[in-house]
Amino acid sequence: MSRSGRTTADRERAAPVEVARPARHRRRDSPRDRRRRRLLAAAAALAVLALAGWALWASPLLSVRDVRVDGATTLTAEQVVTAAGVAEGTPLLRVDVDAAEARVARLPQVASVQVARGWPGSVVVTVVERRAVAVVEEAGTRSLVDATGVLFDTVTGESPAGVVPLDVRSPGPDDPATRAALGALVALPGDVRDRVTGAVARTADEVTLTLDDGTVVVWGGGEEAEDKAAVLAALLAEVESGELEPAATVDVSAPDAVVLR
């Protein structure tokens, strides 16, 4: 017996007894359970995809609320919007941008056009209008002509600033004489072109320009246009400074051998 009066047996009886609990095993999923979970996940994914498809293809949340026009100057925004034919309320994903571009491109004043979706509810139509270089007259109708020879608009009264009256037999982009004359006008520096009061092209090799002081410039054909323009600008500068006597005719058809008469 110990000093405390308790025997070893007493102490053993008083000690807590830990009872071993059986290990809990996690129940393994059966193939049927796994298949059910996969089906549920697939159904959820399909539901999400269906909702997204509805939002993009049919929902009013992502539909056309306005059509914006950029780049129009002579055309009005209303003219461009009408030509594009994009109806408000159309889901953006269903807007046929290629067809809209083709419709706007039919406007004579349009040189190029791009139609784009502007999420979440806009369509943006960006146009580049033709820039008039010359004006031609046929059967009493005066038409503006761009640098490529396209007749794109009619004009009454005075022509726009910088637009040169052009006399050719068959104005148009397929006419060699028209292209040669326009090539001459486009090649000229702006300050020189502003002095041109008229251009005549009987053939593609017979282009002549008339300046505001009556000087006739024999241009010739469409080749070496940049060289001809540079020579003409230099000669006019010399005349203006008094270094060179004015001439009634300046022949730059051969820019390496200019003739003044």
Foldseek 3Di string as FASTA:
>chain_A
DDPVPDDPVRVVVPDDDDDDDDDDDDDDDDPVVVVVVVVVVVVVVVVVVVVVCCCQQPDLQQWAPEEAEPADDPDDPVVLCVQLPRDGSGRLVPRPFVSSQVSSVPQLQFPGWGWDDDPRHYIYIYTHGFDFQEWEDDPRWIFTAGLQQRGHGTDPDDDPQNYEYEAEDDGGNPALQNNFQSLLLVLAPSVQSNQWHHWYGDHQQFIWTAGVVQAIEGQGHNPPSNLLNVLVVVVVVCCVVVVDPDANYWYCNPVVDIDGD
